[in-house]
């Protein structure tokens, strides 16, 4: 277990076990930033590899793919229940969307190799047993359960039976559904679980992100984080300041290039801001103790203390006319003023002298 590092509202963080993803991931460690490839490859392996390179260049800890075929997701039907109404994909069929968006299985090995060559963790979101088997064979160290699949307990169990940890997004889920997924993962042998707060809106308006939801998720005894679809870097940085230890954002080379996920994806410079901002926010959390930081060392002498503000002769009493609490802080602490007033000067005390007990009778 790790000690909670400034988790603030996440009171139960000290009871949470880290995930082992090549380095510890949890409340006592720098945030783990995941770049999501998703459909931003636009059908090009070269572009997909370039996105991996971009993620590494800006300091992301991990690269995540999605592993599915259209057949594993839906039926090739042209209308009715299978037509998408509204949103960024309105007017399309589910089959057409997933056919365009899927990452060919033959690309997985070179994408895994490229990410590992950069020293990044690389893993994926599987959507059926075949994709779980593929990713297990590739040595993926963890599985991601997508928000839409959180209620597919057979898939959760299949991933958990590998004995690897699961990172589960909770978009659209009720408290009961989250608890059911967590219980399923634990019952089938997952070696660890992390829960990501997620709003499955594409994009998500910042005012709808509800970061206080993190407080409820940590009650499951898991590290928590955020899978974020809002614009820019503000929400993930704010989430880290609230205790999130995993951040996931979609990455593209340029939104202007288009694609199904372009509207809620970050460009490399924006992802660099997420990485820097999240790590700075985490460092700023501190440990919550009253131990004063080194940055204050030079300032302490300028606190208030008791000084003679007029010449005081031997035998003269100290009064509010000749003693005051002023800066700097080299005399007695201001709280000593009641005990100083009325005492007699043992020696002559010049104006501007810091008071000490040795000067008083």
Protein backbone atom coordinates (compact mmCIF):
# COMPACT_ATOMS: atom_id res chain seq x y z
CA UNK A 1 0.00 0.00 0.00
CA UNK A 2 1.07 3.58 -0.49
CA UNK A 3 0.54 6.48 1.85
CA UNK A 4 -1.86 9.02 0.42
CA UNK A 5 0.03 12.06 -0.79
CA UNK A 6 -2.10 15.09 -0.12
CA UNK A 7 -5.24 13.32 -1.23
CA UNK A 8 -7.37 15.87 0.59
CA UNK A 9 -11.00 14.87 0.09
CA UNK A 10 -10.04 11.29 -0.76
CA UNK A 11 -9.90 10.26 2.88
CA UNK A 12 -9.69 6.55 2.21
CA UNK A 13 -6.68 6.78 -0.08
CA UNK A 14 -4.29 5.37 2.53
CA UNK A 15 -6.17 2.06 2.38
CA UNK A 16 -5.76 1.68 -1.39
CA UNK A 17 -3.27 -0.74 -2.96
CA UNK A 18 -1.17 0.49 -5.89
CA UNK A 19 -1.37 -1.03 -9.37
CA UNK A 20 1.91 -2.46 -10.68
CA UNK A 21 2.29 -1.31 -14.28
CA UNK A 22 6.06 -1.43 -14.45
CA UNK A 23 6.01 1.34 -11.92
CA UNK A 24 3.60 1.82 -9.03
CA UNK A 25 0.41 3.62 -9.96
CA UNK A 26 -1.56 5.01 -7.05
CA UNK A 27 -2.09 7.90 -4.68
CA UNK A 28 1.51 8.05 -3.49
CA UNK A 29 3.00 8.41 -6.96
CA UNK A 30 3.10 10.86 -9.86
CA UNK A 31 -0.03 10.70 -12.02
CA UNK A 32 0.00 8.06 -14.73
CA UNK A 33 -0.88 9.78 -18.02
CA UNK A 34 -2.34 7.63 -20.80
CA UNK A 35 -2.57 8.72 -24.43
CA UNK A 36 -5.54 7.08 -26.20
CA UNK A 37 -5.04 6.32 -29.91
CA UNK A 38 -8.60 5.16 -30.67
CA UNK A 39 -9.60 6.08 -34.24
CA UNK A 40 -7.08 8.89 -34.68
CA UNK A 41 -4.88 6.68 -36.87
CA UNK A 42 -7.33 7.48 -39.72
CA UNK A 43 -6.59 4.13 -41.32
CA UNK A 44 -2.83 4.61 -41.53
CA UNK A 45 -0.29 2.54 -39.59
CA UNK A 46 2.32 5.21 -40.24
CA UNK A 47 0.10 7.82 -38.63
CA UNK A 48 -0.62 5.50 -35.70
CA UNK A 49 3.12 5.04 -35.15
CA UNK A 50 3.62 8.81 -35.36
CA UNK A 51 1.00 9.29 -32.64
CA UNK A 52 2.90 6.82 -30.44
CA UNK A 53 6.05 8.84 -31.07
CA UNK A 54 4.23 12.06 -30.20
CA UNK A 55 2.90 10.59 -26.95
CA UNK A 56 6.40 9.58 -25.93
CA UNK A 57 7.86 12.95 -26.91
CA UNK A 58 5.49 14.86 -24.61
CA UNK A 59 6.09 12.55 -21.66
CA UNK A 60 3.03 10.31 -21.55
CA UNK A 61 3.48 7.21 -19.42
CA UNK A 62 1.36 4.90 -21.53
CA UNK A 63 -0.19 4.36 -24.95
CA UNK A 64 -3.61 2.73 -25.18
CA UNK A 65 -5.27 1.18 -28.21
CA UNK A 66 -8.72 -0.30 -28.78
CA UNK A 67 -8.90 -3.89 -29.97
CA UNK A 68 -12.06 -4.90 -31.80
CA UNK A 69 -13.54 -5.80 -35.13
CA UNK A 70 -16.88 -4.48 -36.38
CA UNK A 71 -18.29 -7.99 -35.95
CA UNK A 72 -17.38 -8.00 -32.27
CA UNK A 73 -19.22 -4.74 -31.72
CA UNK A 74 -22.49 -4.83 -33.66
CA UNK A 75 -24.41 -6.12 -36.68
CA UNK A 76 -24.10 -4.88 -40.24
CA UNK A 77 -27.56 -3.36 -40.30
CA UNK A 78 -28.40 -0.15 -42.10
CA UNK A 79 -31.10 1.39 -39.93
CA UNK A 80 -33.43 1.04 -36.99
CA UNK A 81 -31.62 0.37 -33.74
CA UNK A 82 -28.28 0.39 -35.53
CA UNK A 83 -28.46 3.96 -36.86
CA UNK A 84 -26.78 6.62 -34.71
CA UNK A 85 -29.02 9.54 -33.82
CA UNK A 86 -27.33 12.88 -33.06
CA UNK A 87 -23.94 13.58 -31.53
CA UNK A 88 -20.63 13.61 -33.39
CA UNK A 89 -21.47 10.40 -35.26
CA UNK A 90 -25.10 11.14 -36.07
CA UNK A 91 -26.35 9.83 -39.40
CA UNK A 92 -23.96 6.89 -39.48
CA UNK A 93 -24.54 3.24 -38.66
CA UNK A 94 -22.72 1.55 -35.82
CA UNK A 95 -21.11 -0.86 -38.28
CA UNK A 96 -19.71 1.91 -40.47
CA UNK A 97 -18.35 3.78 -37.46
CA UNK A 98 -16.59 0.76 -35.99
CA UNK A 99 -15.34 -0.36 -39.38
CA UNK A 100 -13.62 3.00 -39.82
CA UNK A 101 -12.44 3.31 -36.23
CA UNK A 102 -11.00 -0.13 -35.54
CA UNK A 103 -7.26 -0.69 -35.29
CA UNK A 104 -6.36 -3.68 -37.48
CA UNK A 105 -5.05 -6.58 -35.43
CA UNK A 106 -1.95 -6.82 -37.64
CA UNK A 107 -0.95 -3.35 -36.41
CA UNK A 108 -0.90 -4.28 -32.75
CA UNK A 109 2.53 -5.91 -32.68
CA UNK A 110 4.35 -2.97 -34.35
CA UNK A 111 2.46 -0.44 -32.22
CA UNK A 112 3.31 -2.35 -29.04
CA UNK A 113 6.94 -2.58 -30.15
CA UNK A 114 7.16 1.15 -30.93
CA UNK A 115 5.70 2.15 -27.57
CA UNK A 116 7.99 -0.22 -25.69
CA UNK A 117 11.00 1.12 -27.59
CA UNK A 118 10.13 4.52 -26.08
CA UNK A 119 9.93 2.97 -22.60
CA UNK A 120 6.16 3.44 -22.44
CA UNK A 121 3.57 1.08 -21.03
CA UNK A 122 1.30 -0.10 -23.85
CA UNK A 123 -2.06 -1.83 -23.51
CA UNK A 124 -5.54 -1.82 -24.98
CA UNK A 125 -9.28 -2.03 -24.49
CA UNK A 126 -10.54 -5.45 -25.60
CA UNK A 127 -14.14 -6.01 -26.61
CA UNK A 128 -14.43 -9.80 -26.80
CA UNK A 129 -12.61 -12.97 -25.76
CA UNK A 130 -10.56 -13.11 -28.97
CA UNK A 131 -9.19 -9.62 -28.40
CA UNK A 132 -8.37 -10.49 -24.79
CA UNK A 133 -6.39 -13.49 -26.03
CA UNK A 134 -4.53 -11.38 -28.60
CA UNK A 135 -3.55 -8.76 -26.05
CA UNK A 136 -2.55 -11.37 -23.49
CA UNK A 137 -0.28 -12.98 -26.09
CA UNK A 138 1.29 -9.58 -26.81
CA UNK A 139 2.11 -9.21 -23.12
CA UNK A 140 -0.22 -6.33 -22.34
CA UNK A 141 0.34 -5.68 -18.61
CA UNK A 142 -3.21 -4.45 -17.95
CA UNK A 143 -6.63 -4.39 -19.58
CA UNK A 144 -8.91 -1.38 -19.95
CA UNK A 145 -12.67 -1.87 -19.68
CA UNK A 146 -14.51 0.83 -21.64
CA UNK A 147 -17.45 2.64 -20.07
CA UNK A 148 -19.88 1.11 -22.55
CA UNK A 149 -18.63 -2.39 -21.66
CA UNK A 150 -18.62 -1.99 -17.86
CA UNK A 151 -21.99 -3.74 -17.70
CA UNK A 152 -20.69 -6.70 -19.77
CA UNK A 153 -19.72 -8.80 -16.77
CA UNK A 154 -18.65 -11.75 -18.94
CA UNK A 155 -16.05 -9.53 -20.60
CA UNK A 156 -14.92 -8.17 -17.23
CA UNK A 157 -14.55 -11.73 -15.93
CA UNK A 158 -12.65 -12.83 -19.04
CA UNK A 159 -10.11 -10.03 -18.59
CA UNK A 160 -9.83 -10.70 -14.86
CA UNK A 161 -9.10 -14.41 -15.39
CA UNK A 162 -5.78 -13.48 -16.97
CA UNK A 163 -4.67 -12.41 -13.49
CA UNK A 164 -3.77 -8.95 -14.76
CA UNK A 165 -5.03 -5.66 -13.34
CA UNK A 166 -8.03 -3.89 -14.85
CA UNK A 167 -8.57 -0.17 -15.39
CA UNK A 168 -12.31 0.36 -15.67
CA UNK A 169 -14.08 3.48 -16.92
CA UNK A 170 -17.38 4.28 -15.25
CA UNK A 171 -19.18 6.51 -17.74
CA UNK A 172 -22.99 6.10 -17.58
CA UNK A 173 -22.70 3.66 -14.65
CA UNK A 174 -24.75 3.70 -11.49
CA UNK A 175 -23.20 3.01 -8.09
CA UNK A 176 -24.66 -0.49 -8.22
CA UNK A 177 -23.18 -1.17 -11.66
CA UNK A 178 -19.74 0.00 -10.57
CA UNK A 179 -19.90 -2.21 -7.48
CA UNK A 180 -21.01 -5.17 -9.58
CA UNK A 181 -18.12 -4.74 -12.03
CA UNK A 182 -15.59 -4.39 -9.20
CA UNK A 183 -16.94 -7.49 -7.46
CA UNK A 184 -16.80 -9.46 -10.74
CA UNK A 185 -13.20 -8.43 -11.41
CA UNK A 186 -12.12 -9.41 -7.91
CA UNK A 187 -14.01 -12.71 -7.93
CA UNK A 188 -12.31 -13.78 -11.16
CA UNK A 189 -8.74 -13.01 -10.15
CA UNK A 190 -7.83 -9.51 -11.31
CA UNK A 191 -4.54 -8.60 -9.62
CA UNK A 192 -5.62 -5.00 -9.16
CA UNK A 193 -8.36 -2.57 -10.12
CA UNK A 194 -8.42 1.13 -10.89
CA UNK A 195 -11.61 3.08 -11.53
CA UNK A 196 -11.72 6.03 -13.90
CA UNK A 197 -14.42 8.64 -13.52
CA UNK A 198 -15.76 9.29 -16.99
CA UNK A 199 -18.54 11.23 -18.63
CA UNK A 200 -19.43 9.54 -21.90
CA UNK A 201 -20.15 12.75 -23.74
CA UNK A 202 -18.14 13.59 -26.85
CA UNK A 203 -16.98 16.22 -26.09
CA UNK A 204 -17.93 16.73 -22.43
CA UNK A 205 -18.71 20.30 -21.30
CA UNK A 206 -16.37 21.10 -18.38
CA UNK A 207 -19.27 22.07 -16.12
CA UNK A 208 -20.67 18.54 -16.50
CA UNK A 209 -17.52 16.67 -15.47
CA UNK A 210 -18.54 16.33 -11.79
CA UNK A 211 -15.07 15.75 -10.34
CA UNK A 212 -16.54 15.21 -6.87
CA UNK A 213 -17.52 11.78 -8.21
CA UNK A 214 -13.91 10.74 -7.53
CA UNK A 215 -14.72 10.78 -3.81
CA UNK A 216 -17.33 8.06 -4.25
CA UNK A 217 -15.17 5.87 -6.48
CA UNK A 218 -12.29 5.66 -4.00
CA UNK A 219 -14.68 4.02 -1.53
CA UNK A 220 -14.29 0.84 -3.60
CA UNK A 221 -10.70 0.60 -2.33
CA UNK A 222 -9.14 1.28 -5.74
CA UNK A 223 -6.86 3.94 -7.17
CA UNK A 224 -9.01 6.40 -9.09
CA UNK A 225 -8.48 8.60 -12.09
CA UNK A 226 -10.27 10.22 -14.98
CA UNK A 227 -10.95 9.34 -18.59
CA UNK A 228 -11.66 12.79 -19.91
CA UNK A 229 -13.34 14.01 -23.09
CA UNK A 230 -13.46 17.72 -22.27
CA UNK A 231 -11.45 20.26 -24.27
CA UNK A 232 -7.96 21.21 -23.12
CA UNK A 233 -6.00 20.43 -19.98
CA UNK A 234 -7.96 22.10 -17.17
CA UNK A 235 -10.13 19.14 -16.16
CA UNK A 236 -7.38 16.50 -15.86
CA UNK A 237 -5.18 18.92 -13.88
CA UNK A 238 -8.10 19.73 -11.59
CA UNK A 239 -8.78 16.00 -11.20
CA UNK A 240 -5.20 15.37 -10.09
CA UNK A 241 -5.49 18.16 -7.55
CA UNK A 242 -8.53 16.32 -6.19
CA UNK A 243 -6.69 13.01 -5.97
CA UNK A 244 -6.84 11.38 -9.41
CA UNK A 245 -3.74 9.27 -10.02
CA UNK A 246 -4.53 8.17 -13.61
CA UNK A 247 -5.38 10.50 -16.49
CA UNK A 248 -6.50 9.35 -19.93
CA UNK A 249 -6.92 11.67 -22.92
CA UNK A 250 -7.29 11.05 -26.66
CA UNK A 251 -4.30 12.16 -28.75
CA UNK A 252 -4.19 13.13 -32.42
CA UNK A 253 -1.56 14.80 -34.56
CA UNK A 254 -3.95 17.58 -35.61
CA UNK A 255 -7.69 17.98 -35.08
CA UNK A 256 -7.96 19.56 -38.51
CA UNK A 257 -7.09 16.18 -40.02
CA UNK A 258 -10.54 14.97 -38.97
CA UNK A 259 -11.68 11.51 -37.96
CA UNK A 260 -14.38 10.17 -35.64
CA UNK A 261 -12.58 11.26 -32.46
CA UNK A 262 -10.97 14.50 -33.61
CA UNK A 263 -13.39 16.82 -31.82
CA UNK A 264 -12.47 15.58 -28.35
CA UNK A 265 -8.79 14.76 -28.92
CA UNK A 266 -5.75 16.80 -27.95
CA UNK A 267 -2.89 17.81 -30.20
CA UNK A 268 0.66 17.07 -29.00
CA UNK A 269 1.31 20.54 -27.56
CA UNK A 270 -1.93 20.30 -25.57
CA UNK A 271 -1.05 16.82 -24.32
CA UNK A 272 2.33 18.17 -23.21
CA UNK A 273 0.43 20.73 -21.14
CA UNK A 274 -1.62 17.94 -19.57
CA UNK A 275 1.51 16.00 -18.63
CA UNK A 276 3.30 19.03 -17.19
CA UNK A 277 0.22 20.36 -15.43
CA UNK A 278 -0.78 17.06 -13.87
CA UNK A 279 2.70 16.39 -12.53
CA UNK A 280 2.96 19.94 -11.18
CA UNK A 281 -0.46 19.64 -9.54
CA UNK A 282 0.57 16.35 -7.93
CA UNK A 283 3.84 17.80 -6.65
CA UNK A 284 1.92 20.76 -5.24
CA UNK A 285 -0.30 18.48 -3.13
CA UNK A 286 2.47 17.77 -0.64
CA UNK A 287 1.78 15.54 2.35
CA UNK A 288 -0.73 17.71 4.17
CA UNK A 289 1.36 18.05 7.31
CA UNK A 290 2.19 21.32 9.07
CA UNK A 291 5.93 20.88 8.40
CA UNK A 292 7.03 24.15 6.85
CA UNK A 293 8.67 23.94 3.40
CA UNK A 294 12.19 25.07 2.63
CA UNK A 295 10.85 27.93 0.50
CA UNK A 296 9.79 29.68 3.71
CA UNK A 297 13.19 29.50 5.38
CA UNK A 298 14.25 33.03 4.46
CA UNK A 299 10.88 34.53 5.37
CA UNK A 300 10.66 33.39 8.96
CA UNK A 301 12.87 36.21 10.26
CA UNK A 302 10.35 38.74 8.98
CA UNK A 303 7.45 37.56 11.14
CA UNK A 304 6.36 39.88 13.96
CA UNK A 305 8.05 39.86 17.35
CA UNK A 306 8.39 42.13 20.39
CA UNK A 307 10.71 45.14 20.07
CA UNK A 308 11.50 48.20 22.11
CA UNK A 309 10.00 51.09 20.16
CA UNK A 310 11.43 53.73 22.52
CA UNK A 311 14.51 53.91 24.74
CA UNK A 312 13.87 52.13 28.06
CA UNK A 313 16.07 53.04 31.03
CA UNK A 314 17.26 50.58 33.70
CA UNK A 315 14.42 50.03 36.18
CA UNK A 316 11.79 51.47 33.86
CA UNK A 317 8.66 49.34 33.32
CA UNK A 318 7.74 48.00 29.91
CA UNK A 319 4.47 49.41 28.60
CA UNK A 320 2.46 49.59 25.40
CA UNK A 321 4.17 52.92 24.74
CA UNK A 322 7.68 51.46 24.61
CA UNK A 323 7.01 47.87 23.44
CA UNK A 324 5.20 46.74 20.30
CA UNK A 325 4.80 43.72 18.07
CA UNK A 326 6.53 44.65 14.81
CA UNK A 327 8.64 43.07 12.10
CA UNK A 328 11.24 41.49 12.00
CA UNK A 329 10.91 38.32 14.04
CA UNK A 330 14.10 38.30 16.11
CA UNK A 331 12.50 39.11 19.47
CA UNK A 332 10.08 37.33 21.74
CA UNK A 333 6.95 35.97 20.09
CA UNK A 334 3.94 38.35 20.13
CA UNK A 335 2.03 35.92 22.38
CA UNK A 336 4.49 36.83 25.18
CA UNK A 337 3.31 40.47 25.29
CA UNK A 338 0.98 40.03 28.34
CA UNK A 339 3.89 38.59 30.32
CA UNK A 340 6.27 41.34 29.24
CA UNK A 341 4.09 44.34 30.03
CA UNK A 342 4.80 45.64 33.55
CA UNK A 343 8.16 43.91 33.83
CA UNK A 344 11.19 46.06 34.69
CA UNK A 345 14.17 46.61 32.41
CA UNK A 346 17.25 44.92 33.91
CA UNK A 347 19.52 46.91 31.54
CA UNK A 348 19.11 49.96 29.36
CA UNK A 349 17.23 48.90 26.23
CA UNK A 350 17.70 51.05 23.15
CA UNK A 351 14.92 51.71 20.69
CA UNK A 352 14.97 49.02 17.99
CA UNK A 353 16.24 46.25 20.30
CA UNK A 354 14.53 42.84 20.02
CA UNK A 355 13.24 41.86 23.42
CA UNK A 356 14.51 38.78 25.22
CA UNK A 357 13.85 37.54 28.78
CA UNK A 358 17.49 38.20 29.70
CA UNK A 359 16.82 41.96 29.34
CA UNK A 360 14.03 41.94 31.91
CA UNK A 361 14.12 41.79 35.72
